[in-house]
Amino acid sequence: MGIFDWLLNFALKVFAVPGLHAILTAVAVGFALTYLMSRSLPANMAVCTAIRYQRLIVFITVFSISFSMVPSPVMGAWAFTVAIFTPQFYDWATEIIFHRWPWLKPKALMTFDEYQKSQR
């Protein structure tokens, strides 16, 4: 049981950092807002443009929410660092989700063949 006690103590110390709560909350809210906003993009938009909009939306939401929750210079640096890497993580996570559940994919991100299959 020694390793489990150590993991529990480590997790308690890590989650005691107030900035971590802000960052995790911002990532969760940023993912949700980005998905909701990408659902409203028009279906005739170019896929590369829709992906760029998604990356911009997730960056702005993660940075602004995490920095507004704990406004300090240190949190600004952490928020910016996390926000830089979040778009790639969002692309990776949605790739897995849309592969498993293709009906969740927004129409703006569908290729022509995927769009035709979804209309059947």
PDB file of N, CA and C in Angstrom:
ATOM      1  N   MET A   1       0.804  -1.203   0.000  1.00  0.00           N
ATOM      2  CA  MET A   1       0.000   0.000   0.000  1.00  0.00           C
ATOM      3  C   MET A   1       0.844   1.263   0.000  1.00  0.00           C
ATOM      4  N   GLY A   2       2.136   1.137   0.035  1.00  0.00           N
ATOM      5  CA  GLY A   2       3.014   2.289   0.102  1.00  0.00           C
ATOM      6  C   GLY A   2       2.896   3.194  -1.117  1.00  0.00           C
ATOM      7  N   ILE A   3       2.787   2.598  -2.318  1.00  0.00           N
ATOM      8  CA  ILE A   3       2.711   3.396  -3.537  1.00  0.00           C
ATOM      9  C   ILE A   3       1.390   4.147  -3.612  1.00  0.00           C
ATOM     10  N   PHE A   4       0.302   3.529  -3.143  1.00  0.00           N
ATOM     11  CA  PHE A   4      -1.003   4.196  -3.178  1.00  0.00           C
ATOM     12  C   PHE A   4      -1.050   5.363  -2.198  1.00  0.00           C
ATOM     13  N   ASP A   5      -0.436   5.203  -1.039  1.00  0.00           N
ATOM     14  CA  ASP A   5      -0.361   6.307  -0.086  1.00  0.00           C
ATOM     15  C   ASP A   5       0.449   7.458  -0.663  1.00  0.00           C
ATOM     16  N   TRP A   6       1.559   7.116  -1.322  1.00  0.00           N
ATOM     17  CA  TRP A   6       2.378   8.154  -1.926  1.00  0.00           C
ATOM     18  C   TRP A   6       1.613   8.874  -3.038  1.00  0.00           C
ATOM     19  N   LEU A   7       0.898   8.121  -3.884  1.00  0.00           N
ATOM     20  CA  LEU A   7       0.115   8.731  -4.954  1.00  0.00           C
ATOM     21  C   LEU A   7      -0.985   9.629  -4.399  1.00  0.00           C
ATOM     22  N   LEU A   8      -1.637   9.181  -3.350  1.00  0.00           N
ATOM     23  CA  LEU A   8      -2.686   9.996  -2.742  1.00  0.00           C
ATOM     24  C   LEU A   8      -2.110  11.284  -2.169  1.00  0.00           C
ATOM     25  N   ASN A   9      -0.998  11.187  -1.452  1.00  0.00           N
ATOM     26  CA  ASN A   9      -0.359  12.389  -0.907  1.00  0.00           C
ATOM     27  C   ASN A   9       0.112  13.323  -2.012  1.00  0.00           C
ATOM     28  N   PHE A  10       0.661  12.760  -3.088  1.00  0.00           N
ATOM     29  CA  PHE A  10       1.105  13.576  -4.212  1.00  0.00           C
ATOM     30  C   PHE A  10      -0.072  14.289  -4.871  1.00  0.00           C
ATOM     31  N   ALA A  11      -1.168  13.568  -5.072  1.00  0.00           N
ATOM     32  CA  ALA A  11      -2.352  14.174  -5.683  1.00  0.00           C
ATOM     33  C   ALA A  11      -2.922  15.279  -4.801  1.00  0.00           C
ATOM     34  N   LEU A  12      -2.948  15.064  -3.500  1.00  0.00           N
ATOM     35  CA  LEU A  12      -3.450  16.098  -2.596  1.00  0.00           C
ATOM     36  C   LEU A  12      -2.572  17.343  -2.631  1.00  0.00           C
ATOM     37  N   LYS A  13      -1.272  17.174  -2.737  1.00  0.00           N
ATOM     38  CA  LYS A  13      -0.374  18.326  -2.814  1.00  0.00           C
ATOM     39  C   LYS A  13      -0.522  19.060  -4.146  1.00  0.00           C
ATOM     40  N   VAL A  14      -0.664  18.310  -5.214  1.00  0.00           N
ATOM     41  CA  VAL A  14      -0.800  18.934  -6.529  1.00  0.00           C
ATOM     42  C   VAL A  14      -2.108  19.702  -6.627  1.00  0.00           C
ATOM     43  N   PHE A  15      -3.204  19.094  -6.178  1.00  0.00           N
ATOM     44  CA  PHE A  15      -4.499  19.760  -6.291  1.00  0.00           C
ATOM     45  C   PHE A  15      -4.707  20.837  -5.241  1.00  0.00           C
ATOM     46  N   ALA A  16      -3.762  21.022  -4.325  1.00  0.00           N
ATOM     47  CA  ALA A  16      -3.836  22.119  -3.369  1.00  0.00           C
ATOM     48  C   ALA A  16      -3.407  23.440  -4.009  1.00  0.00           C
ATOM     49  N   VAL A  17      -2.794  23.374  -5.176  1.00  0.00           N
ATOM     50  CA  VAL A  17      -2.375  24.580  -5.877  1.00  0.00           C
ATOM     51  C   VAL A  17      -3.609  25.240  -6.484  1.00  0.00           C
ATOM     52  N   PRO A  18      -3.927  26.502  -6.099  1.00  0.00           N
ATOM     53  CA  PRO A  18      -5.159  27.121  -6.592  1.00  0.00           C
ATOM     54  C   PRO A  18      -5.154  27.359  -8.097  1.00  0.00           C
ATOM     55  N   GLY A  19      -4.005  27.610  -8.676  1.00  0.00           N
ATOM     56  CA  GLY A  19      -3.952  27.836 -10.114  1.00  0.00           C
ATOM     57  C   GLY A  19      -4.303  26.612 -10.922  1.00  0.00           C
ATOM     58  N   LEU A  20      -4.039  25.428 -10.376  1.00  0.00           N
ATOM     59  CA  LEU A  20      -4.358  24.196 -11.098  1.00  0.00           C
ATOM     60  C   LEU A  20      -5.860  24.028 -11.262  1.00  0.00           C
ATOM     61  N   HIS A  21      -6.623  24.397 -10.234  1.00  0.00           N
ATOM     62  CA  HIS A  21      -8.076  24.332 -10.360  1.00  0.00           C
ATOM     63  C   HIS A  21      -8.569  25.256 -11.468  1.00  0.00           C
ATOM     64  N   ALA A  22      -7.982  26.441 -11.530  1.00  0.00           N
ATOM     65  CA  ALA A  22      -8.375  27.392 -12.563  1.00  0.00           C
ATOM     66  C   ALA A  22      -8.040  26.866 -13.948  1.00  0.00           C
ATOM     67  N   ILE A  23      -6.876  26.271 -14.095  1.00  0.00           N
ATOM     68  CA  ILE A  23      -6.473  25.769 -15.406  1.00  0.00           C
ATOM     69  C   ILE A  23      -7.339  24.584 -15.831  1.00  0.00           C
ATOM     70  N   LEU A  24      -7.583  23.648 -14.933  1.00  0.00           N
ATOM     71  CA  LEU A  24      -8.418  22.492 -15.285  1.00  0.00           C
ATOM     72  C   LEU A  24      -9.839  22.911 -15.605  1.00  0.00           C
ATOM     73  N   THR A  25     -10.370  23.857 -14.838  1.00  0.00           N
ATOM     74  CA  THR A  25     -11.712  24.373 -15.133  1.00  0.00           C
ATOM     75  C   THR A  25     -11.733  25.064 -16.481  1.00  0.00           C
ATOM     76  N   ALA A  26     -10.707  25.852 -16.761  1.00  0.00           N
ATOM     77  CA  ALA A  26     -10.646  26.564 -18.036  1.00  0.00           C
ATOM     78  C   ALA A  26     -10.535  25.609 -19.215  1.00  0.00           C
ATOM     79  N   VAL A  27      -9.780  24.541 -19.063  1.00  0.00           N
ATOM     80  CA  VAL A  27      -9.663  23.562 -20.149  1.00  0.00           C
ATOM     81  C   VAL A  27     -11.012  22.877 -20.394  1.00  0.00           C
ATOM     82  N   ALA A  28     -11.706  22.499 -19.332  1.00  0.00           N
ATOM     83  CA  ALA A  28     -13.012  21.846 -19.492  1.00  0.00           C
ATOM     84  C   ALA A  28     -14.023  22.789 -20.131  1.00  0.00           C
ATOM     85  N   VAL A  29     -14.094  24.012 -19.637  1.00  0.00           N
ATOM     86  CA  VAL A  29     -15.039  24.985 -20.202  1.00  0.00           C
ATOM     87  C   VAL A  29     -14.620  25.355 -21.630  1.00  0.00           C
ATOM     88  N   GLY A  30     -13.324  25.478 -21.861  1.00  0.00           N
ATOM     89  CA  GLY A  30     -12.847  25.789 -23.210  1.00  0.00           C
ATOM     90  C   GLY A  30     -13.196  24.710 -24.215  1.00  0.00           C
ATOM     91  N   PHE A  31     -13.061  23.452 -23.816  1.00  0.00           N
ATOM     92  CA  PHE A  31     -13.452  22.351 -24.707  1.00  0.00           C
ATOM     93  C   PHE A  31     -14.943  22.415 -25.018  1.00  0.00           C
ATOM     94  N   ALA A  32     -15.750  22.637 -23.992  1.00  0.00           N
ATOM     95  CA  ALA A  32     -17.207  22.673 -24.193  1.00  0.00           C
ATOM     96  C   ALA A  32     -17.619  23.860 -25.065  1.00  0.00           C
ATOM     97  N   LEU A  33     -17.085  25.033 -24.791  1.00  0.00           N
ATOM     98  CA  LEU A  33     -17.436  26.208 -25.597  1.00  0.00           C
ATOM     99  C   LEU A  33     -16.962  26.069 -27.039  1.00  0.00           C
ATOM    100  N   THR A  34     -15.783  25.518 -27.220  1.00  0.00           N
ATOM    101  CA  THR A  34     -15.270  25.330 -28.571  1.00  0.00           C
ATOM    102  C   THR A  34     -16.142  24.366 -29.353  1.00  0.00           C
ATOM    103  N   TYR A  35     -16.563  23.288 -28.704  1.00  0.00           N
ATOM    104  CA  TYR A  35     -17.424  22.333 -29.396  1.00  0.00           C
ATOM    105  C   TYR A  35     -18.769  22.973 -29.757  1.00  0.00           C
ATOM    106  N   LEU A  36     -19.348  23.703 -28.809  1.00  0.00           N
ATOM    107  CA  LEU A  36     -20.635  24.343 -29.081  1.00  0.00           C
ATOM    108  C   LEU A  36     -20.523  25.389 -30.189  1.00  0.00           C
ATOM    109  N   MET A  37     -19.445  26.155 -30.179  1.00  0.00           N
ATOM    110  CA  MET A  37     -19.273  27.160 -31.228  1.00  0.00           C
ATOM    111  C   MET A  37     -18.974  26.534 -32.581  1.00  0.00           C
ATOM    112  N   SER A  38     -18.266  25.418 -32.592  1.00  0.00           N
ATOM    113  CA  SER A  38     -17.976  24.768 -33.877  1.00  0.00           C
ATOM    114  C   SER A  38     -19.222  24.111 -34.459  1.00  0.00           C
ATOM    115  N   ARG A  39     -20.196  23.780 -33.611  1.00  0.00           N
ATOM    116  CA  ARG A  39     -21.461  23.245 -34.132  1.00  0.00           C
ATOM    117  C   ARG A  39     -22.224  24.305 -34.919  1.00  0.00           C
ATOM    118  N   SER A  40     -21.992  25.583 -34.588  1.00  0.00           N
ATOM    119  CA  SER A  40     -22.731  26.653 -35.262  1.00  0.00           C
ATOM    120  C   SER A  40     -22.038  27.159 -36.524  1.00  0.00           C
ATOM    121  N   LEU A  41     -20.851  26.658 -36.829  1.00  0.00           N
ATOM    122  CA  LEU A  41     -20.172  27.075 -38.058  1.00  0.00           C
ATOM    123  C   LEU A  41     -20.922  26.534 -39.272  1.00  0.00           C
ATOM    124  N   PRO A  42     -20.966  27.285 -40.364  1.00  0.00           N
ATOM    125  CA  PRO A  42     -21.711  26.820 -41.541  1.00  0.00           C
ATOM    126  C   PRO A  42     -21.073  25.586 -42.181  1.00  0.00           C
ATOM    127  N   ALA A  43     -21.912  24.745 -42.747  1.00  0.00           N
ATOM    128  CA  ALA A  43     -21.435  23.495 -43.336  1.00  0.00           C
ATOM    129  C   ALA A  43     -20.622  23.729 -44.602  1.00  0.00           C
ATOM    130  N   ASN A  44     -20.831  24.842 -45.292  1.00  0.00           N
ATOM    131  CA  ASN A  44     -20.092  25.085 -46.537  1.00  0.00           C
ATOM    132  C   ASN A  44     -18.754  25.775 -46.294  1.00  0.00           C
ATOM    133  N   MET A  45     -18.347  25.940 -45.038  1.00  0.00           N
ATOM    134  CA  MET A  45     -17.055  26.533 -44.716  1.00  0.00           C
ATOM    135  C   MET A  45     -15.946  25.531 -45.016  1.00  0.00           C
ATOM    136  N   ALA A  46     -14.799  26.036 -45.431  1.00  0.00           N
ATOM    137  CA  ALA A  46     -13.651  25.165 -45.676  1.00  0.00           C
ATOM    138  C   ALA A  46     -13.212  24.522 -44.359  1.00  0.00           C
ATOM    139  N   VAL A  47     -12.826  23.257 -44.429  1.00  0.00           N
ATOM    140  CA  VAL A  47     -12.455  22.513 -43.232  1.00  0.00           C
ATOM    141  C   VAL A  47     -11.246  23.148 -42.547  1.00  0.00           C
ATOM    142  N   CYS A  48     -10.258  23.582 -43.331  1.00  0.00           N
ATOM    143  CA  CYS A  48      -9.061  24.183 -42.719  1.00  0.00           C
ATOM    144  C   CYS A  48      -9.402  25.486 -41.998  1.00  0.00           C
ATOM    145  N   THR A  49     -10.346  26.247 -42.518  1.00  0.00           N
ATOM    146  CA  THR A  49     -10.776  27.477 -41.839  1.00  0.00           C
ATOM    147  C   THR A  49     -11.509  27.147 -40.553  1.00  0.00           C
ATOM    148  N   ALA A  50     -12.348  26.130 -40.558  1.00  0.00           N
ATOM    149  CA  ALA A  50     -13.067  25.728 -39.355  1.00  0.00           C
ATOM    150  C   ALA A  50     -12.099  25.250 -38.276  1.00  0.00           C
ATOM    151  N   ILE A  51     -11.073  24.525 -38.678  1.00  0.00           N
ATOM    152  CA  ILE A  51     -10.075  24.056 -37.705  1.00  0.00           C
ATOM    153  C   ILE A  51      -9.315  25.240 -37.116  1.00  0.00           C
ATOM    154  N   ARG A  52      -8.986  26.223 -37.947  1.00  0.00           N
ATOM    155  CA  ARG A  52      -8.300  27.416 -37.429  1.00  0.00           C
ATOM    156  C   ARG A  52      -9.185  28.170 -36.440  1.00  0.00           C
ATOM    157  N   TYR A  53     -10.470  28.299 -36.742  1.00  0.00           N
ATOM    158  CA  TYR A  53     -11.398  28.942 -35.810  1.00  0.00           C
ATOM    159  C   TYR A  53     -11.462  28.165 -34.493  1.00  0.00           C
ATOM    160  N   GLN A  54     -11.513  26.854 -34.582  1.00  0.00           N
ATOM    161  CA  GLN A  54     -11.549  26.039 -33.372  1.00  0.00           C
ATOM    162  C   GLN A  54     -10.310  26.273 -32.515  1.00  0.00           C
ATOM    163  N   ARG A  55      -9.166  26.279 -33.134  1.00  0.00           N
ATOM    164  CA  ARG A  55      -7.918  26.481 -32.379  1.00  0.00           C
ATOM    165  C   ARG A  55      -7.880  27.859 -31.728  1.00  0.00           C
ATOM    166  N   LEU A  56      -8.351  28.871 -32.439  1.00  0.00           N
ATOM    167  CA  LEU A  56      -8.395  30.215 -31.877  1.00  0.00           C
ATOM    168  C   LEU A  56      -9.386  30.297 -30.715  1.00  0.00           C
ATOM    169  N   ILE A  57     -10.538  29.696 -30.868  1.00  0.00           N
ATOM    170  CA  ILE A  57     -11.560  29.726 -29.816  1.00  0.00           C
ATOM    171  C   ILE A  57     -11.057  29.029 -28.564  1.00  0.00           C
ATOM    172  N   VAL A  58     -10.473  27.855 -28.696  1.00  0.00           N
ATOM    173  CA  VAL A  58     -10.015  27.123 -27.514  1.00  0.00           C
ATOM    174  C   VAL A  58      -8.854  27.857 -26.852  1.00  0.00           C
ATOM    175  N   PHE A  59      -7.973  28.481 -27.617  1.00  0.00           N
ATOM    176  CA  PHE A  59      -6.872  29.241 -27.026  1.00  0.00           C
ATOM    177  C   PHE A  59      -7.406  30.418 -26.220  1.00  0.00           C
ATOM    178  N   ILE A  60      -8.300  31.199 -26.815  1.00  0.00           N
ATOM    179  CA  ILE A  60      -8.821  32.389 -26.142  1.00  0.00           C
ATOM    180  C   ILE A  60      -9.611  32.023 -24.896  1.00  0.00           C
ATOM    181  N   THR A  61     -10.458  31.006 -24.979  1.00  0.00           N
ATOM    182  CA  THR A  61     -11.267  30.657 -23.811  1.00  0.00           C
ATOM    183  C   THR A  61     -10.416  30.115 -22.673  1.00  0.00           C
ATOM    184  N   VAL A  62      -9.467  29.254 -22.974  1.00  0.00           N
ATOM    185  CA  VAL A  62      -8.628  28.688 -21.909  1.00  0.00           C
ATOM    186  C   VAL A  62      -7.783  29.781 -21.261  1.00  0.00           C
ATOM    187  N   PHE A  63      -7.181  30.633 -22.062  1.00  0.00           N
ATOM    188  CA  PHE A  63      -6.349  31.695 -21.496  1.00  0.00           C
ATOM    189  C   PHE A  63      -7.178  32.678 -20.678  1.00  0.00           C
ATOM    190  N   SER A  64      -8.285  33.141 -21.231  1.00  0.00           N
ATOM    191  CA  SER A  64      -9.051  34.176 -20.543  1.00  0.00           C
ATOM    192  C   SER A  64      -9.727  33.649 -19.279  1.00  0.00           C
ATOM    193  N   ILE A  65     -10.264  32.442 -19.317  1.00  0.00           N
ATOM    194  CA  ILE A  65     -10.937  31.910 -18.129  1.00  0.00           C
ATOM    195  C   ILE A  65      -9.941  31.603 -17.021  1.00  0.00           C
ATOM    196  N   SER A  66      -8.836  30.960 -17.356  1.00  0.00           N
ATOM    197  CA  SER A  66      -7.876  30.615 -16.300  1.00  0.00           C
ATOM    198  C   SER A  66      -7.224  31.861 -15.708  1.00  0.00           C
ATOM    199  N   PHE A  67      -6.943  32.860 -16.527  1.00  0.00           N
ATOM    200  CA  PHE A  67      -6.333  34.078 -15.996  1.00  0.00           C
ATOM    201  C   PHE A  67      -7.331  34.912 -15.204  1.00  0.00           C
ATOM    202  N   SER A  68      -8.590  34.900 -15.608  1.00  0.00           N
ATOM    203  CA  SER A  68      -9.585  35.682 -14.867  1.00  0.00           C
ATOM    204  C   SER A  68      -9.933  35.044 -13.518  1.00  0.00           C
ATOM    205  N   MET A  69      -9.752  33.739 -13.392  1.00  0.00           N
ATOM    206  CA  MET A  69     -10.033  33.085 -12.114  1.00  0.00           C
ATOM    207  C   MET A  69      -8.960  33.394 -11.071  1.00  0.00           C
ATOM    208  N   VAL A  70      -7.701  33.454 -11.492  1.00  0.00           N
ATOM    209  CA  VAL A  70      -6.588  33.776 -10.586  1.00  0.00           C
ATOM    210  C   VAL A  70      -5.726  34.827 -11.285  1.00  0.00           C
ATOM    211  N   PRO A  71      -6.099  36.109 -11.174  1.00  0.00           N
ATOM    212  CA  PRO A  71      -5.342  37.145 -11.895  1.00  0.00           C
ATOM    213  C   PRO A  71      -4.038  37.515 -11.185  1.00  0.00           C
ATOM    214  N   SER A  72      -2.969  36.938 -11.641  1.00  0.00           N
ATOM    215  CA  SER A  72      -1.636  37.263 -11.123  1.00  0.00           C
ATOM    216  C   SER A  72      -0.639  37.067 -12.259  1.00  0.00           C
ATOM    217  N   PRO A  73       0.534  37.667 -12.174  1.00  0.00           N
ATOM    218  CA  PRO A  73       1.521  37.485 -13.246  1.00  0.00           C
ATOM    219  C   PRO A  73       1.953  36.032 -13.424  1.00  0.00           C
ATOM    220  N   VAL A  74       2.075  35.305 -12.318  1.00  0.00           N
ATOM    221  CA  VAL A  74       2.464  33.893 -12.415  1.00  0.00           C
ATOM    222  C   VAL A  74       1.368  33.091 -13.120  1.00  0.00           C
ATOM    223  N   MET A  75       0.118  33.370 -12.754  1.00  0.00           N
ATOM    224  CA  MET A  75      -0.988  32.659 -13.398  1.00  0.00           C
ATOM    225  C   MET A  75      -1.100  33.053 -14.867  1.00  0.00           C
ATOM    226  N   GLY A  76      -0.748  34.287 -15.192  1.00  0.00           N
ATOM    227  CA  GLY A  76      -0.744  34.690 -16.594  1.00  0.00           C
ATOM    228  C   GLY A  76       0.236  33.862 -17.410  1.00  0.00           C
ATOM    229  N   ALA A  77       1.404  33.620 -16.830  1.00  0.00           N
ATOM    230  CA  ALA A  77       2.397  32.793 -17.521  1.00  0.00           C
ATOM    231  C   ALA A  77       1.922  31.349 -17.651  1.00  0.00           C
ATOM    232  N   TRP A  78       1.360  30.805 -16.582  1.00  0.00           N
ATOM    233  CA  TRP A  78       0.847  29.430 -16.638  1.00  0.00           C
ATOM    234  C   TRP A  78      -0.323  29.321 -17.610  1.00  0.00           C
ATOM    235  N   ALA A  79      -1.224  30.297 -17.556  1.00  0.00           N
ATOM    236  CA  ALA A  79      -2.394  30.266 -18.444  1.00  0.00           C
ATOM    237  C   ALA A  79      -1.966  30.330 -19.904  1.00  0.00           C
ATOM    238  N   PHE A  80      -0.998  31.172 -20.210  1.00  0.00           N
ATOM    239  CA  PHE A  80      -0.532  31.277 -21.585  1.00  0.00           C
ATOM    240  C   PHE A  80       0.139  29.991 -22.040  1.00  0.00           C
ATOM    241  N   THR A  81       0.939  29.393 -21.167  1.00  0.00           N
ATOM    242  CA  THR A  81       1.621  28.144 -21.512  1.00  0.00           C
ATOM    243  C   THR A  81       0.627  27.023 -21.773  1.00  0.00           C
ATOM    244  N   VAL A  82      -0.366  26.894 -20.920  1.00  0.00           N
ATOM    245  CA  VAL A  82      -1.376  25.844 -21.114  1.00  0.00           C
ATOM    246  C   VAL A  82      -2.213  26.143 -22.358  1.00  0.00           C
ATOM    247  N   ALA A  83      -2.555  27.415 -22.564  1.00  0.00           N
ATOM    248  CA  ALA A  83      -3.380  27.775 -23.716  1.00  0.00           C
ATOM    249  C   ALA A  83      -2.664  27.523 -25.030  1.00  0.00           C
ATOM    250  N   ILE A  84      -1.346  27.615 -25.043  1.00  0.00           N
ATOM    251  CA  ILE A  84      -0.578  27.339 -26.264  1.00  0.00           C
ATOM    252  C   ILE A  84      -0.720  25.872 -26.670  1.00  0.00           C
ATOM    253  N   PHE A  85      -0.703  24.969 -25.694  1.00  0.00           N
ATOM    254  CA  PHE A  85      -0.738  23.539 -26.007  1.00  0.00           C
ATOM    255  C   PHE A  85      -2.146  22.959 -26.077  1.00  0.00           C
ATOM    256  N   THR A  86      -3.143  23.690 -25.630  1.00  0.00           N
ATOM    257  CA  THR A  86      -4.507  23.168 -25.607  1.00  0.00           C
ATOM    258  C   THR A  86      -5.088  22.906 -26.997  1.00  0.00           C
ATOM    259  N   PRO A  87      -4.885  23.765 -28.017  1.00  0.00           N
ATOM    260  CA  PRO A  87      -5.474  23.458 -29.324  1.00  0.00           C
ATOM    261  C   PRO A  87      -5.042  22.108 -29.901  1.00  0.00           C
ATOM    262  N   GLN A  88      -3.765  21.763 -29.748  1.00  0.00           N
ATOM    263  CA  GLN A  88      -3.313  20.464 -30.257  1.00  0.00           C
ATOM    264  C   GLN A  88      -3.946  19.334 -29.468  1.00  0.00           C
ATOM    265  N   PHE A  89      -4.062  19.498 -28.163  1.00  0.00           N
ATOM    266  CA  PHE A  89      -4.716  18.486 -27.337  1.00  0.00           C
ATOM    267  C   PHE A  89      -6.196  18.371 -27.692  1.00  0.00           C
ATOM    268  N   TYR A  90      -6.843  19.493 -27.998  1.00  0.00           N
ATOM    269  CA  TYR A  90      -8.256  19.472 -28.411  1.00  0.00           C
ATOM    270  C   TYR A  90      -8.403  18.726 -29.737  1.00  0.00           C
ATOM    271  N   ASP A  91      -7.511  18.987 -30.692  1.00  0.00           N
ATOM    272  CA  ASP A  91      -7.561  18.269 -31.971  1.00  0.00           C
ATOM    273  C   ASP A  91      -7.404  16.767 -31.763  1.00  0.00           C
ATOM    274  N   TRP A  92      -6.460  16.396 -30.918  1.00  0.00           N
ATOM    275  CA  TRP A  92      -6.214  14.980 -30.636  1.00  0.00           C
ATOM    276  C   TRP A  92      -7.429  14.337 -29.966  1.00  0.00           C
ATOM    277  N   ALA A  93      -7.983  15.007 -28.971  1.00  0.00           N
ATOM    278  CA  ALA A  93      -9.125  14.443 -28.239  1.00  0.00           C
ATOM    279  C   ALA A  93     -10.364  14.335 -29.131  1.00  0.00           C
ATOM    280  N   THR A  94     -10.630  15.359 -29.937  1.00  0.00           N
ATOM    281  CA  THR A  94     -11.809  15.290 -30.802  1.00  0.00           C
ATOM    282  C   THR A  94     -11.628  14.277 -31.927  1.00  0.00           C
ATOM    283  N   GLU A  95     -10.402  14.074 -32.356  1.00  0.00           N
ATOM    284  CA  GLU A  95     -10.152  13.039 -33.373  1.00  0.00           C
ATOM    285  C   GLU A  95     -10.568  11.669 -32.839  1.00  0.00           C
ATOM    286  N   ILE A  96     -10.217  11.398 -31.598  1.00  0.00           N
ATOM    287  CA  ILE A  96     -10.603  10.124 -30.969  1.00  0.00           C
ATOM    288  C   ILE A  96     -12.111  10.053 -30.770  1.00  0.00           C
ATOM    289  N   ILE A  97     -12.695  11.132 -30.275  1.00  0.00           N
ATOM    290  CA  ILE A  97     -14.145  11.144 -30.000  1.00  0.00           C
ATOM    291  C   ILE A  97     -14.940  11.007 -31.293  1.00  0.00           C
ATOM    292  N   PHE A  98     -14.552  11.749 -32.344  1.00  0.00           N
ATOM    293  CA  PHE A  98     -15.297  11.704 -33.596  1.00  0.00           C
ATOM    294  C   PHE A  98     -15.095  10.382 -34.333  1.00  0.00           C
ATOM    295  N   HIS A  99     -13.999   9.696 -34.074  1.00  0.00           N
ATOM    296  CA  HIS A  99     -13.815   8.375 -34.656  1.00  0.00           C
ATOM    297  C   HIS A  99     -14.753   7.371 -33.997  1.00  0.00           C
ATOM    298  N   ARG A 100     -14.917   7.506 -32.692  1.00  0.00           N
ATOM    299  CA  ARG A 100     -15.792   6.593 -31.943  1.00  0.00           C
ATOM    300  C   ARG A 100     -17.257   6.920 -32.162  1.00  0.00           C
ATOM    301  N   TRP A 101     -17.600   8.217 -32.134  1.00  0.00           N
ATOM    302  CA  TRP A 101     -18.980   8.669 -32.310  1.00  0.00           C
ATOM    303  C   TRP A 101     -19.025   9.683 -33.445  1.00  0.00           C
ATOM    304  N   PRO A 102     -19.105   9.237 -34.696  1.00  0.00           N
ATOM    305  CA  PRO A 102     -19.030  10.163 -35.833  1.00  0.00           C
ATOM    306  C   PRO A 102     -20.213  11.131 -35.928  1.00  0.00           C
ATOM    307  N   TRP A 103     -21.331  10.821 -35.321  1.00  0.00           N
ATOM    308  CA  TRP A 103     -22.484  11.715 -35.387  1.00  0.00           C
ATOM    309  C   TRP A 103     -22.290  12.977 -34.548  1.00  0.00           C
ATOM    310  N   LEU A 104     -21.262  13.008 -33.707  1.00  0.00           N
ATOM    311  CA  LEU A 104     -20.964  14.217 -32.926  1.00  0.00           C
ATOM    312  C   LEU A 104     -20.171  15.252 -33.713  1.00  0.00           C
ATOM    313  N   LYS A 105     -19.603  14.847 -34.832  1.00  0.00           N
ATOM    314  CA  LYS A 105     -18.728  15.735 -35.604  1.00  0.00           C
ATOM    315  C   LYS A 105     -19.532  16.892 -36.206  1.00  0.00           C
ATOM    316  N   PRO A 106     -19.076  18.133 -36.000  1.00  0.00           N
ATOM    317  CA  PRO A 106     -19.762  19.280 -36.602  1.00  0.00           C
ATOM    318  C   PRO A 106     -19.699  19.232 -38.122  1.00  0.00           C
ATOM    319  N   LYS A 107     -20.728  19.740 -38.767  1.00  0.00           N
ATOM    320  CA  LYS A 107     -20.803  19.684 -40.226  1.00  0.00           C
ATOM    321  C   LYS A 107     -19.682  20.472 -40.893  1.00  0.00           C
ATOM    322  N   ALA A 108     -19.189  21.523 -40.250  1.00  0.00           N
ATOM    323  CA  ALA A 108     -18.116  22.324 -40.844  1.00  0.00           C
ATOM    324  C   ALA A 108     -16.805  21.557 -40.920  1.00  0.00           C
ATOM    325  N   LEU A 109     -16.647  20.514 -40.109  1.00  0.00           N
ATOM    326  CA  LEU A 109     -15.414  19.729 -40.114  1.00  0.00           C
ATOM    327  C   LEU A 109     -15.503  18.489 -40.989  1.00  0.00           C
ATOM    328  N   MET A 110     -16.653  18.246 -41.587  1.00  0.00           N
ATOM    329  CA  MET A 110     -16.835  17.054 -42.412  1.00  0.00           C
ATOM    330  C   MET A 110     -16.329  17.280 -43.821  1.00  0.00           C
ATOM    331  N   THR A 111     -15.727  16.248 -44.377  1.00  0.00           N
ATOM    332  CA  THR A 111     -15.390  16.286 -45.791  1.00  0.00           C
ATOM    333  C   THR A 111     -16.670  16.058 -46.589  1.00  0.00           C
ATOM    334  N   PHE A 112     -16.588  16.197 -47.896  1.00  0.00           N
ATOM    335  CA  PHE A 112     -17.781  16.033 -48.730  1.00  0.00           C
ATOM    336  C   PHE A 112     -18.351  14.624 -48.599  1.00  0.00           C
ATOM    337  N   ASP A 113     -17.484  13.617 -48.584  1.00  0.00           N
ATOM    338  CA  ASP A 113     -17.960  12.233 -48.482  1.00  0.00           C
ATOM    339  C   ASP A 113     -18.612  11.976 -47.128  1.00  0.00           C
ATOM    340  N   GLU A 114     -18.017  12.493 -46.053  1.00  0.00           N
ATOM    341  CA  GLU A 114     -18.609  12.319 -44.727  1.00  0.00           C
ATOM    342  C   GLU A 114     -19.967  13.017 -44.640  1.00  0.00           C
ATOM    343  N   TYR A 115     -20.058  14.183 -45.261  1.00  0.00           N
ATOM    344  CA  TYR A 115     -21.326  14.917 -45.248  1.00  0.00           C
ATOM    345  C   TYR A 115     -22.400  14.157 -46.005  1.00  0.00           C
ATOM    346  N   GLN A 116     -22.040  13.564 -47.146  1.00  0.00           N
ATOM    347  CA  GLN A 116     -23.011  12.782 -47.913  1.00  0.00           C
ATOM    348  C   GLN A 116     -23.492  11.571 -47.135  1.00  0.00           C
ATOM    349  N   LYS A 117     -22.566  10.889 -46.423  1.00  0.00           N
ATOM    350  CA  LYS A 117     -22.943   9.730 -45.625  1.00  0.00           C
ATOM    351  C   LYS A 117     -23.846  10.131 -44.459  1.00  0.00           C
ATOM    352  N   SER A 118     -23.621  11.317 -43.887  1.00  0.00           N
ATOM    353  CA  SER A 118     -24.424  11.735 -42.739  1.00  0.00           C
ATOM    354  C   SER A 118     -25.851  12.126 -43.145  1.00  0.00           C
ATOM    355  N   GLN A 119     -26.070  12.416 -44.431  1.00  0.00           N
ATOM    356  CA  GLN A 119     -27.382  12.815 -44.895  1.00  0.00           C
ATOM    357  C   GLN A 119     -28.285  11.626 -45.203  1.00  0.00           C
ATOM    358  N   ARG A 120     -27.722  10.435 -45.204  1.00  0.00           N
ATOM    359  CA  ARG A 120     -28.510   9.227 -45.518  1.00  0.00           C
ATOM    360  C   ARG A 120     -29.299   8.775 -44.334  1.00  0.00           C
TER     361      ARG A 120
END
